[in-house]
Amino acid sequence: MSEQAEFREWVRSYNGLAFLHPGWSLLYVSVPKAAGTSLNVALTRSAGIPFPGRFVESLGEESLVSQTIWDGDAGGRPMVSTLDDAAYARVMDAGLRYVFTVVRHPVERLLTTWSSKYLVRAPYYRDRLGLPQPGLRRFDSVDEVLADLDQLVAHLHANPALVHRDVHLVSQHELLRRDLSRFDHVGRTDRLGETIGWLADRLADEGAALHPVGHDNDSPVDVGVDMVDARTLARIHDLYAADYTFLGFDPDDVHLTGTLDAAVLPSLNREVEHNVRAEVLHAAATRTREELVRRPWRSWSLPPRRTAAL
């Protein structure tokens, strides 16, 4: 049965990644920070396509090495964005056999977004939210790390519209257009094994085997909910109140094991330094690329070659 016009238009313009395999008639609508990288990598490899990309090939806007697997040559990945209009229309006209997504508890999703993007000083994200850029920052105590979380949440709570500047912060209620009726399966990250089993069975019906699902984009440090300041936690609940009703999550049922303690601060500081240095190189490369566009290499003149006197 052909997909309805509203649904196909929404999928085509989805504010995130959407895996669409024409041969399998399978669509995976990926919610950012809800096992999306792991599932997209597994599905792409299941389709026989090499993945991920490489940092040296990245031309993306952000400099986090962990994010650049999505940059560079798409390599034939079966994504909604890689299909031309005619191919996309054919798939939707024929109808989809499998449509699924995976969602996550709002507190877990916010905490992992903070630790993997904002805590480690990803300039691309901090700039978009208007957060200060102090340059290289060293965390000398657990309290300093938690204060960074408090700052982000307070900033968002005071300016809720800012969540729309980062897809990782947009509510799942909004991302999924407040409607789960077309999904054949809605998984949860705390029950990911159920989704993996469901997906493996569907691919088996198509004569394919599901590639092992790994952990491809882990945060450098996780904060258990018991470490979060009560006011900060209340603000997160307030920001994502609609998600609890829409997805049926219990606000107190958070499944995130905390790994933050003094022993992990050195590795956290090394990652922060790594990302700050990568941003410096990224900015330099961007300026060089822009200069080459303005002034192509063929128009450059080399200085005269000097010949040593004999």
C-alpha atoms as a PDB file:
ATOM      1  CA  MET A   1       0.000   0.000   0.000  1.00  0.00           C
ATOM      2  CA  SER A   2       1.341   3.415  -0.948  1.00  0.00           C
ATOM      3  CA  GLU A   3       2.515   5.618   1.921  1.00  0.00           C
ATOM      4  CA  GLN A   4       0.373   8.638   2.717  1.00  0.00           C
ATOM      5  CA  ALA A   5       1.556  12.006   1.420  1.00  0.00           C
ATOM      6  CA  GLU A   6       1.956  13.560   4.857  1.00  0.00           C
ATOM      7  CA  PHE A   7       4.121  10.682   6.076  1.00  0.00           C
ATOM      8  CA  ARG A   8       6.380  10.615   3.016  1.00  0.00           C
ATOM      9  CA  GLU A   9       6.853  14.388   3.167  1.00  0.00           C
ATOM     10  CA  TRP A  10       7.764  14.189   6.834  1.00  0.00           C
ATOM     11  CA  VAL A  11      10.287  11.399   6.261  1.00  0.00           C
ATOM     12  CA  ARG A  12      11.871  13.286   3.353  1.00  0.00           C
ATOM     13  CA  SER A  13      12.415  16.355   5.515  1.00  0.00           C
ATOM     14  CA  TYR A  14      13.113  14.553   8.807  1.00  0.00           C
ATOM     15  CA  ASN A  15      15.347  16.550  11.140  1.00  0.00           C
ATOM     16  CA  GLY A  16      17.772  13.706  11.686  1.00  0.00           C
ATOM     17  CA  LEU A  17      19.084  10.561  10.018  1.00  0.00           C
ATOM     18  CA  ALA A  18      16.732   8.110   8.327  1.00  0.00           C
ATOM     19  CA  PHE A  19      17.970   4.764   6.975  1.00  0.00           C
ATOM     20  CA  LEU A  20      15.897   3.609   4.009  1.00  0.00           C
ATOM     21  CA  HIS A  21      16.721   0.388   2.185  1.00  0.00           C
ATOM     22  CA  PRO A  22      14.679   0.104  -1.051  1.00  0.00           C
ATOM     23  CA  GLY A  23      15.276  -3.639  -1.428  1.00  0.00           C
ATOM     24  CA  TRP A  24      14.150  -4.444   2.092  1.00  0.00           C
ATOM     25  CA  SER A  25      11.446  -1.733   2.128  1.00  0.00           C
ATOM     26  CA  LEU A  26      12.767  -0.889   5.576  1.00  0.00           C
ATOM     27  CA  LEU A  27      12.826   2.550   7.172  1.00  0.00           C
ATOM     28  CA  TYR A  28      14.649   3.357  10.404  1.00  0.00           C
ATOM     29  CA  VAL A  29      13.940   6.829  11.757  1.00  0.00           C
ATOM     30  CA  SER A  30      16.915   7.559  13.993  1.00  0.00           C
ATOM     31  CA  VAL A  31      16.359   9.653  17.131  1.00  0.00           C
ATOM     32  CA  PRO A  32      19.669  11.385  17.972  1.00  0.00           C
ATOM     33  CA  LYS A  33      21.319  10.034  21.138  1.00  0.00           C
ATOM     34  CA  ALA A  34      19.095   6.948  21.174  1.00  0.00           C
ATOM     35  CA  ALA A  35      21.445   4.233  19.834  1.00  0.00           C
ATOM     36  CA  GLY A  36      21.227   5.830  16.398  1.00  0.00           C
ATOM     37  CA  THR A  37      24.894   5.547  15.473  1.00  0.00           C
ATOM     38  CA  SER A  38      25.107   1.912  16.566  1.00  0.00           C
ATOM     39  CA  LEU A  39      21.998   0.875  14.653  1.00  0.00           C
ATOM     40  CA  ASN A  40      22.855   2.868  11.523  1.00  0.00           C
ATOM     41  CA  VAL A  41      26.345   1.365  11.439  1.00  0.00           C
ATOM     42  CA  ALA A  42      24.949  -2.151  11.888  1.00  0.00           C
ATOM     43  CA  LEU A  43      22.256  -1.685   9.228  1.00  0.00           C
ATOM     44  CA  THR A  44      24.687  -0.177   6.728  1.00  0.00           C
ATOM     45  CA  ARG A  45      27.133  -3.047   7.204  1.00  0.00           C
ATOM     46  CA  SER A  46      24.240  -5.515   6.948  1.00  0.00           C
ATOM     47  CA  ALA A  47      23.596  -4.035   3.509  1.00  0.00           C
ATOM     48  CA  GLY A  48      27.192  -4.848   2.541  1.00  0.00           C
ATOM     49  CA  ILE A  49      28.412  -1.261   2.573  1.00  0.00           C
ATOM     50  CA  PRO A  50      31.675  -0.277   4.334  1.00  0.00           C
ATOM     51  CA  PHE A  51      31.211   2.058   7.271  1.00  0.00           C
ATOM     52  CA  PRO A  52      32.176   4.316   8.981  1.00  0.00           C
ATOM     53  CA  GLY A  53      33.846   7.226   7.255  1.00  0.00           C
ATOM     54  CA  ARG A  54      37.261   8.534   8.248  1.00  0.00           C
ATOM     55  CA  PHE A  55      38.240  11.697  10.060  1.00  0.00           C
ATOM     56  CA  VAL A  56      40.683  12.732   7.340  1.00  0.00           C
ATOM     57  CA  GLU A  57      37.840  12.722   4.790  1.00  0.00           C
ATOM     58  CA  SER A  58      35.523  14.863   6.887  1.00  0.00           C
ATOM     59  CA  LEU A  59      34.314  18.149   5.479  1.00  0.00           C
ATOM     60  CA  GLY A  60      31.594  18.614   8.094  1.00  0.00           C
ATOM     61  CA  GLU A  61      30.987  21.678  10.202  1.00  0.00           C
ATOM     62  CA  GLU A  62      31.987  20.173  13.525  1.00  0.00           C
ATOM     63  CA  SER A  63      35.375  18.894  14.586  1.00  0.00           C
ATOM     64  CA  LEU A  64      34.526  16.036  16.949  1.00  0.00           C
ATOM     65  CA  VAL A  65      36.267  12.942  15.624  1.00  0.00           C
ATOM     66  CA  SER A  66      33.365  10.793  16.890  1.00  0.00           C
ATOM     67  CA  GLN A  67      30.930  12.675  14.655  1.00  0.00           C
ATOM     68  CA  THR A  68      32.916  12.566  11.440  1.00  0.00           C
ATOM     69  CA  ILE A  69      31.868   8.998  10.663  1.00  0.00           C
ATOM     70  CA  TRP A  70      28.824  10.678   9.117  1.00  0.00           C
ATOM     71  CA  ASP A  71      30.893  12.979   6.894  1.00  0.00           C
ATOM     72  CA  GLY A  72      32.725  12.546   3.646  1.00  0.00           C
ATOM     73  CA  ASP A  73      31.686  10.266   0.792  1.00  0.00           C
ATOM     74  CA  ALA A  74      28.345   8.590   1.562  1.00  0.00           C
ATOM     75  CA  GLY A  75      29.642   5.447  -0.134  1.00  0.00           C
ATOM     76  CA  GLY A  76      26.215   4.323  -1.259  1.00  0.00           C
ATOM     77  CA  ARG A  77      24.688   4.253   2.220  1.00  0.00           C
ATOM     78  CA  PRO A  78      20.954   3.591   1.886  1.00  0.00           C
ATOM     79  CA  MET A  79      19.673   6.759   3.528  1.00  0.00           C
ATOM     80  CA  VAL A  80      16.650   8.884   2.693  1.00  0.00           C
ATOM     81  CA  SER A  81      19.018  11.735   1.859  1.00  0.00           C
ATOM     82  CA  THR A  82      20.957   9.655  -0.719  1.00  0.00           C
ATOM     83  CA  LEU A  83      17.902   8.779  -2.822  1.00  0.00           C
ATOM     84  CA  ASP A  84      16.893  11.126  -5.613  1.00  0.00           C
ATOM     85  CA  ASP A  85      13.270  12.232  -5.801  1.00  0.00           C
ATOM     86  CA  ALA A  86      12.264   9.627  -8.357  1.00  0.00           C
ATOM     87  CA  ALA A  87      13.804   6.724  -6.421  1.00  0.00           C
ATOM     88  CA  TYR A  88      12.274   7.942  -3.174  1.00  0.00           C
ATOM     89  CA  ALA A  89       8.846   8.227  -4.804  1.00  0.00           C
ATOM     90  CA  ARG A  90       9.078   4.654  -6.132  1.00  0.00           C
ATOM     91  CA  VAL A  91       9.817   3.274  -2.652  1.00  0.00           C
ATOM     92  CA  MET A  92       6.990   5.220  -1.051  1.00  0.00           C
ATOM     93  CA  ASP A  93       4.539   4.386  -3.862  1.00  0.00           C
ATOM     94  CA  ALA A  94       5.232   0.679  -3.354  1.00  0.00           C
ATOM     95  CA  GLY A  95       4.830   1.026   0.414  1.00  0.00           C
ATOM     96  CA  LEU A  96       7.163   0.098   3.277  1.00  0.00           C
ATOM     97  CA  ARG A  97       7.192  -3.330   4.910  1.00  0.00           C
ATOM     98  CA  TYR A  98       9.048  -2.307   8.070  1.00  0.00           C
ATOM     99  CA  VAL A  99       9.139   1.046   9.857  1.00  0.00           C
ATOM    100  CA  PHE A 100      10.808   1.434  13.231  1.00  0.00           C
ATOM    101  CA  THR A 101      12.482   3.813  15.636  1.00  0.00           C
ATOM    102  CA  VAL A 102      14.132   3.724  19.053  1.00  0.00           C
ATOM    103  CA  VAL A 103      13.497   6.264  21.797  1.00  0.00           C
ATOM    104  CA  ARG A 104      15.234   7.090  25.062  1.00  0.00           C
ATOM    105  CA  HIS A 105      14.364   8.377  28.517  1.00  0.00           C
ATOM    106  CA  PRO A 106      14.580  12.200  28.309  1.00  0.00           C
ATOM    107  CA  VAL A 107      16.962  12.477  31.272  1.00  0.00           C
ATOM    108  CA  GLU A 108      19.363   9.890  29.841  1.00  0.00           C
ATOM    109  CA  ARG A 109      19.231  11.534  26.423  1.00  0.00           C
ATOM    110  CA  LEU A 110      20.001  15.003  27.808  1.00  0.00           C
ATOM    111  CA  LEU A 111      22.821  13.750  30.025  1.00  0.00           C
ATOM    112  CA  THR A 112      24.534  11.844  27.214  1.00  0.00           C
ATOM    113  CA  THR A 113      24.116  14.771  24.822  1.00  0.00           C
ATOM    114  CA  TRP A 114      25.775  17.043  27.364  1.00  0.00           C
ATOM    115  CA  SER A 115      28.665  14.676  28.104  1.00  0.00           C
ATOM    116  CA  SER A 116      29.395  13.780  24.478  1.00  0.00           C
ATOM    117  CA  LYS A 117      28.983  17.261  22.957  1.00  0.00           C
ATOM    118  CA  TYR A 118      29.024  20.109  25.450  1.00  0.00           C
ATOM    119  CA  LEU A 119      31.201  18.843  28.295  1.00  0.00           C
ATOM    120  CA  VAL A 120      34.009  17.922  25.903  1.00  0.00           C
ATOM    121  CA  ARG A 121      33.902  21.438  24.445  1.00  0.00           C
ATOM    122  CA  ALA A 122      32.543  20.810  20.967  1.00  0.00           C
ATOM    123  CA  PRO A 123      32.622  24.409  19.638  1.00  0.00           C
ATOM    124  CA  TYR A 124      30.073  23.738  16.891  1.00  0.00           C
ATOM    125  CA  TYR A 125      27.377  23.009  19.468  1.00  0.00           C
ATOM    126  CA  ARG A 126      28.379  25.500  22.127  1.00  0.00           C
ATOM    127  CA  ASP A 127      28.399  28.342  19.597  1.00  0.00           C
ATOM    128  CA  ARG A 128      24.918  27.472  18.364  1.00  0.00           C
ATOM    129  CA  LEU A 129      23.528  27.731  21.883  1.00  0.00           C
ATOM    130  CA  GLY A 130      25.436  30.899  22.760  1.00  0.00           C
ATOM    131  CA  LEU A 131      27.446  29.204  25.502  1.00  0.00           C
ATOM    132  CA  PRO A 132      30.796  30.722  26.491  1.00  0.00           C
ATOM    133  CA  GLN A 133      33.919  29.412  24.785  1.00  0.00           C
ATOM    134  CA  PRO A 134      36.682  29.596  27.390  1.00  0.00           C
ATOM    135  CA  GLY A 135      39.102  27.678  25.200  1.00  0.00           C
ATOM    136  CA  LEU A 136      41.025  24.848  26.810  1.00  0.00           C
ATOM    137  CA  ARG A 137      39.269  23.964  30.065  1.00  0.00           C
ATOM    138  CA  ARG A 138      40.666  21.658  32.708  1.00  0.00           C
ATOM    139  CA  PHE A 139      38.322  20.007  35.197  1.00  0.00           C
ATOM    140  CA  ASP A 140      39.977  19.495  38.574  1.00  0.00           C
ATOM    141  CA  SER A 141      37.008  18.122  40.508  1.00  0.00           C
ATOM    142  CA  VAL A 142      33.764  16.217  40.036  1.00  0.00           C
ATOM    143  CA  ASP A 143      31.884  19.272  41.291  1.00  0.00           C
ATOM    144  CA  GLU A 144      33.299  21.351  38.409  1.00  0.00           C
ATOM    145  CA  VAL A 145      32.044  18.762  35.906  1.00  0.00           C
ATOM    146  CA  LEU A 146      28.568  18.747  37.436  1.00  0.00           C
ATOM    147  CA  ALA A 147      28.510  22.548  37.463  1.00  0.00           C
ATOM    148  CA  ASP A 148      29.012  22.435  33.681  1.00  0.00           C
ATOM    149  CA  LEU A 149      25.848  20.337  33.398  1.00  0.00           C
ATOM    150  CA  ASP A 150      23.971  22.739  35.660  1.00  0.00           C
ATOM    151  CA  GLN A 151      25.042  25.640  33.427  1.00  0.00           C
ATOM    152  CA  LEU A 152      23.766  23.991  30.234  1.00  0.00           C
ATOM    153  CA  VAL A 153      20.403  22.994  31.686  1.00  0.00           C
ATOM    154  CA  ALA A 154      19.854  26.409  33.298  1.00  0.00           C
ATOM    155  CA  HIS A 155      20.680  28.057  29.961  1.00  0.00           C
ATOM    156  CA  LEU A 156      18.155  25.875  28.118  1.00  0.00           C
ATOM    157  CA  HIS A 157      15.491  26.252  30.770  1.00  0.00           C
ATOM    158  CA  ALA A 158      15.768  30.038  30.603  1.00  0.00           C
ATOM    159  CA  ASN A 159      15.669  29.933  26.784  1.00  0.00           C
ATOM    160  CA  PRO A 160      13.652  26.824  25.763  1.00  0.00           C
ATOM    161  CA  ALA A 161      13.619  27.749  22.074  1.00  0.00           C
ATOM    162  CA  LEU A 162      17.373  27.081  21.979  1.00  0.00           C
ATOM    163  CA  VAL A 163      16.762  23.331  21.874  1.00  0.00           C
ATOM    164  CA  HIS A 164      15.849  23.762  18.207  1.00  0.00           C
ATOM    165  CA  ARG A 165      19.423  24.772  17.426  1.00  0.00           C
ATOM    166  CA  ASP A 166      20.663  21.251  18.167  1.00  0.00           C
ATOM    167  CA  VAL A 167      18.746  18.192  16.971  1.00  0.00           C
ATOM    168  CA  HIS A 168      20.154  16.220  19.922  1.00  0.00           C
ATOM    169  CA  LEU A 169      18.181  18.508  22.237  1.00  0.00           C
ATOM    170  CA  VAL A 170      14.883  18.638  20.331  1.00  0.00           C
ATOM    171  CA  SER A 171      12.180  16.670  22.159  1.00  0.00           C
ATOM    172  CA  GLN A 172      11.305  13.233  20.811  1.00  0.00           C
ATOM    173  CA  HIS A 173       7.667  14.308  20.922  1.00  0.00           C
ATOM    174  CA  GLU A 174       8.498  16.935  18.315  1.00  0.00           C
ATOM    175  CA  LEU A 175      11.015  14.911  16.292  1.00  0.00           C
ATOM    176  CA  LEU A 176       8.498  12.119  15.749  1.00  0.00           C
ATOM    177  CA  ARG A 177       5.733  14.610  14.865  1.00  0.00           C
ATOM    178  CA  ARG A 178       3.623  13.547  17.892  1.00  0.00           C
ATOM    179  CA  ASP A 179       2.481  10.418  16.051  1.00  0.00           C
ATOM    180  CA  LEU A 180       3.698   6.815  16.345  1.00  0.00           C
ATOM    181  CA  SER A 181       0.823   5.222  14.423  1.00  0.00           C
ATOM    182  CA  ARG A 182       2.886   4.352  11.297  1.00  0.00           C
ATOM    183  CA  PHE A 183       5.672   2.626  13.232  1.00  0.00           C
ATOM    184  CA  ASP A 184       5.682  -1.171  13.301  1.00  0.00           C
ATOM    185  CA  HIS A 185       8.127  -1.147  16.189  1.00  0.00           C
ATOM    186  CA  VAL A 186       9.066   1.522  18.746  1.00  0.00           C
ATOM    187  CA  GLY A 187      12.033   0.342  20.763  1.00  0.00           C
ATOM    188  CA  ARG A 188      13.705   1.766  23.847  1.00  0.00           C
ATOM    189  CA  THR A 189      17.403   2.006  24.546  1.00  0.00           C
ATOM    190  CA  ASP A 190      16.972   0.319  27.930  1.00  0.00           C
ATOM    191  CA  ARG A 191      15.431  -2.657  26.101  1.00  0.00           C
ATOM    192  CA  LEU A 192      17.578  -2.551  22.979  1.00  0.00           C
ATOM    193  CA  GLY A 193      17.824  -6.335  22.851  1.00  0.00           C
ATOM    194  CA  GLU A 194      14.137  -6.456  21.933  1.00  0.00           C
ATOM    195  CA  THR A 195      14.743  -4.169  18.957  1.00  0.00           C
ATOM    196  CA  ILE A 196      17.806  -6.125  17.844  1.00  0.00           C
ATOM    197  CA  GLY A 197      15.779  -9.350  17.935  1.00  0.00           C
ATOM    198  CA  TRP A 198      12.885  -7.770  16.024  1.00  0.00           C
ATOM    199  CA  LEU A 199      15.242  -6.340  13.409  1.00  0.00           C
ATOM    200  CA  ALA A 200      17.212  -9.571  12.982  1.00  0.00           C
ATOM    201  CA  ASP A 201      13.978 -11.444  12.256  1.00  0.00           C
ATOM    202  CA  ARG A 202      12.885  -8.888   9.665  1.00  0.00           C
ATOM    203  CA  LEU A 203      16.239  -8.945   7.871  1.00  0.00           C
ATOM    204  CA  ALA A 204      16.198 -12.748   7.902  1.00  0.00           C
ATOM    205  CA  ASP A 205      12.882 -12.588   6.039  1.00  0.00           C
ATOM    206  CA  GLU A 206      14.736 -10.525   3.404  1.00  0.00           C
ATOM    207  CA  GLY A 207      17.595 -13.020   3.182  1.00  0.00           C
ATOM    208  CA  ALA A 208      20.040 -10.802   5.092  1.00  0.00           C
ATOM    209  CA  ALA A 209      21.848 -11.133   8.419  1.00  0.00           C
ATOM    210  CA  LEU A 210      21.985  -8.309  10.934  1.00  0.00           C
ATOM    211  CA  HIS A 211      25.544  -7.163  11.596  1.00  0.00           C
ATOM    212  CA  PRO A 212      26.417  -7.106  15.310  1.00  0.00           C
ATOM    213  CA  VAL A 213      25.171  -3.936  17.003  1.00  0.00           C
ATOM    214  CA  GLY A 214      28.004  -2.333  18.966  1.00  0.00           C
ATOM    215  CA  HIS A 215      28.533   0.827  20.981  1.00  0.00           C
ATOM    216  CA  ASP A 216      29.853   3.196  18.351  1.00  0.00           C
ATOM    217  CA  ASN A 217      29.400   6.618  19.916  1.00  0.00           C
ATOM    218  CA  ASP A 218      29.760   6.264  23.684  1.00  0.00           C
ATOM    219  CA  SER A 219      30.098   9.293  25.922  1.00  0.00           C
ATOM    220  CA  PRO A 220      33.485   9.828  27.613  1.00  0.00           C
ATOM    221  CA  VAL A 221      31.813   9.830  31.016  1.00  0.00           C
ATOM    222  CA  ASP A 222      28.304   9.073  32.254  1.00  0.00           C
ATOM    223  CA  VAL A 223      26.607  10.799  35.168  1.00  0.00           C
ATOM    224  CA  GLY A 224      24.206   8.782  37.270  1.00  0.00           C
ATOM    225  CA  VAL A 225      20.931  10.508  38.035  1.00  0.00           C
ATOM    226  CA  ASP A 226      21.771  10.382  41.754  1.00  0.00           C
ATOM    227  CA  MET A 227      24.615  12.845  41.102  1.00  0.00           C
ATOM    228  CA  VAL A 228      22.435  15.424  39.355  1.00  0.00           C
ATOM    229  CA  ASP A 229      21.387  18.476  41.345  1.00  0.00           C
ATOM    230  CA  ALA A 230      17.667  18.339  42.264  1.00  0.00           C
ATOM    231  CA  ARG A 231      16.938  21.696  40.630  1.00  0.00           C
ATOM    232  CA  THR A 232      18.746  20.680  37.444  1.00  0.00           C
ATOM    233  CA  LEU A 233      16.807  17.404  37.316  1.00  0.00           C
ATOM    234  CA  ALA A 234      13.507  19.254  37.789  1.00  0.00           C
ATOM    235  CA  ARG A 235      14.420  21.583  34.937  1.00  0.00           C
ATOM    236  CA  ILE A 236      15.111  18.628  32.622  1.00  0.00           C
ATOM    237  CA  HIS A 237      11.723  17.136  33.506  1.00  0.00           C
ATOM    238  CA  ASP A 238      10.120  20.493  32.761  1.00  0.00           C
ATOM    239  CA  LEU A 239      11.871  20.884  29.400  1.00  0.00           C
ATOM    240  CA  TYR A 240      10.795  17.432  28.234  1.00  0.00           C
ATOM    241  CA  ALA A 241       7.428  17.071  29.958  1.00  0.00           C
ATOM    242  CA  ALA A 242       5.683  16.240  26.671  1.00  0.00           C
ATOM    243  CA  ASP A 243       8.013  13.272  26.077  1.00  0.00           C
ATOM    244  CA  TYR A 244       6.907  11.514  29.248  1.00  0.00           C
ATOM    245  CA  THR A 245       3.263  11.542  28.191  1.00  0.00           C
ATOM    246  CA  PHE A 246       3.987  10.794  24.534  1.00  0.00           C
ATOM    247  CA  LEU A 247       6.386   7.897  25.102  1.00  0.00           C
ATOM    248  CA  GLY A 248       5.130   6.575  28.425  1.00  0.00           C
ATOM    249  CA  PHE A 249       8.373   6.985  30.354  1.00  0.00           C
ATOM    250  CA  ASP A 250       8.358   7.201  34.137  1.00  0.00           C
ATOM    251  CA  PRO A 251      10.410  10.323  35.039  1.00  0.00           C
ATOM    252  CA  ASP A 252      12.158   8.407  37.835  1.00  0.00           C
ATOM    253  CA  ASP A 253      12.930   5.262  35.802  1.00  0.00           C
ATOM    254  CA  VAL A 254      16.377   6.286  34.543  1.00  0.00           C
ATOM    255  CA  HIS A 255      18.797   3.584  33.377  1.00  0.00           C
ATOM    256  CA  LEU A 256      22.204   5.252  33.234  1.00  0.00           C
ATOM    257  CA  THR A 257      25.100   3.920  35.260  1.00  0.00           C
ATOM    258  CA  GLY A 258      27.332   6.688  36.518  1.00  0.00           C
ATOM    259  CA  THR A 259      31.046   6.473  35.738  1.00  0.00           C
ATOM    260  CA  LEU A 260      32.018   9.965  36.896  1.00  0.00           C
ATOM    261  CA  ASP A 261      34.548  10.111  39.702  1.00  0.00           C
ATOM    262  CA  ALA A 262      37.947  11.685  40.311  1.00  0.00           C
ATOM    263  CA  ALA A 263      39.724   8.783  38.593  1.00  0.00           C
ATOM    264  CA  VAL A 264      38.224   9.600  35.158  1.00  0.00           C
ATOM    265  CA  LEU A 265      39.100  13.311  35.227  1.00  0.00           C
ATOM    266  CA  PRO A 266      42.523  12.847  33.545  1.00  0.00           C
ATOM    267  CA  SER A 267      40.996  10.988  30.585  1.00  0.00           C
ATOM    268  CA  LEU A 268      38.173  13.550  30.378  1.00  0.00           C
ATOM    269  CA  ASN A 269      40.693  16.400  30.331  1.00  0.00           C
ATOM    270  CA  ARG A 270      42.681  14.652  27.600  1.00  0.00           C
ATOM    271  CA  GLU A 271      39.546  14.390  25.454  1.00  0.00           C
ATOM    272  CA  VAL A 272      38.744  18.055  26.028  1.00  0.00           C
ATOM    273  CA  GLU A 273      42.276  19.009  24.973  1.00  0.00           C
ATOM    274  CA  HIS A 274      42.046  16.708  21.962  1.00  0.00           C
ATOM    275  CA  ASN A 275      38.809  18.351  20.806  1.00  0.00           C
ATOM    276  CA  VAL A 276      40.102  21.886  21.340  1.00  0.00           C
ATOM    277  CA  ARG A 277      43.216  21.078  19.311  1.00  0.00           C
ATOM    278  CA  ALA A 278      41.119  19.405  16.611  1.00  0.00           C
ATOM    279  CA  GLU A 279      38.978  22.539  16.397  1.00  0.00           C
ATOM    280  CA  VAL A 280      42.076  24.661  15.813  1.00  0.00           C
ATOM    281  CA  LEU A 281      43.127  22.364  12.942  1.00  0.00           C
ATOM    282  CA  HIS A 282      39.571  22.214  11.636  1.00  0.00           C
ATOM    283  CA  ALA A 283      39.328  26.020  11.550  1.00  0.00           C
ATOM    284  CA  ALA A 284      42.672  26.272   9.759  1.00  0.00           C
ATOM    285  CA  ALA A 285      41.610  23.676   7.178  1.00  0.00           C
ATOM    286  CA  THR A 286      38.319  25.482   6.640  1.00  0.00           C
ATOM    287  CA  ARG A 287      40.091  28.786   6.031  1.00  0.00           C
ATOM    288  CA  THR A 288      42.485  27.086   3.605  1.00  0.00           C
ATOM    289  CA  ARG A 289      39.616  25.463   1.705  1.00  0.00           C
ATOM    290  CA  GLU A 290      37.769  28.773   1.464  1.00  0.00           C
ATOM    291  CA  GLU A 291      40.918  30.469   0.209  1.00  0.00           C
ATOM    292  CA  LEU A 292      41.379  27.808  -2.469  1.00  0.00           C
ATOM    293  CA  VAL A 293      37.798  28.348  -3.624  1.00  0.00           C
ATOM    294  CA  ARG A 294      38.379  32.076  -3.891  1.00  0.00           C
ATOM    295  CA  ARG A 295      41.773  31.647  -5.481  1.00  0.00           C
ATOM    296  CA  PRO A 296      42.105  28.326  -7.329  1.00  0.00           C
ATOM    297  CA  TRP A 297      45.515  26.677  -7.350  1.00  0.00           C
ATOM    298  CA  ARG A 298      45.909  27.058 -11.102  1.00  0.00           C
ATOM    299  CA  SER A 299      45.880  30.830 -10.669  1.00  0.00           C
ATOM    300  CA  TRP A 300      48.708  30.776  -8.165  1.00  0.00           C
ATOM    301  CA  SER A 301      52.207  31.564  -9.422  1.00  0.00           C
ATOM    302  CA  LEU A 302      55.191  29.874  -7.877  1.00  0.00           C
ATOM    303  CA  PRO A 303      58.324  31.844  -7.118  1.00  0.00           C
ATOM    304  CA  PRO A 304      61.225  31.463  -9.570  1.00  0.00           C
ATOM    305  CA  ARG A 305      63.244  28.333  -8.992  1.00  0.00           C
ATOM    306  CA  ARG A 306      66.727  29.080  -7.795  1.00  0.00           C
ATOM    307  CA  THR A 307      69.639  27.270  -9.368  1.00  0.00           C
ATOM    308  CA  ALA A 308      72.697  26.849  -7.255  1.00  0.00           C
ATOM    309  CA  ALA A 309      75.873  28.238  -8.748  1.00  0.00           C
ATOM    310  CA  LEU A 310      78.370  25.582  -9.803  1.00  0.00           C
END
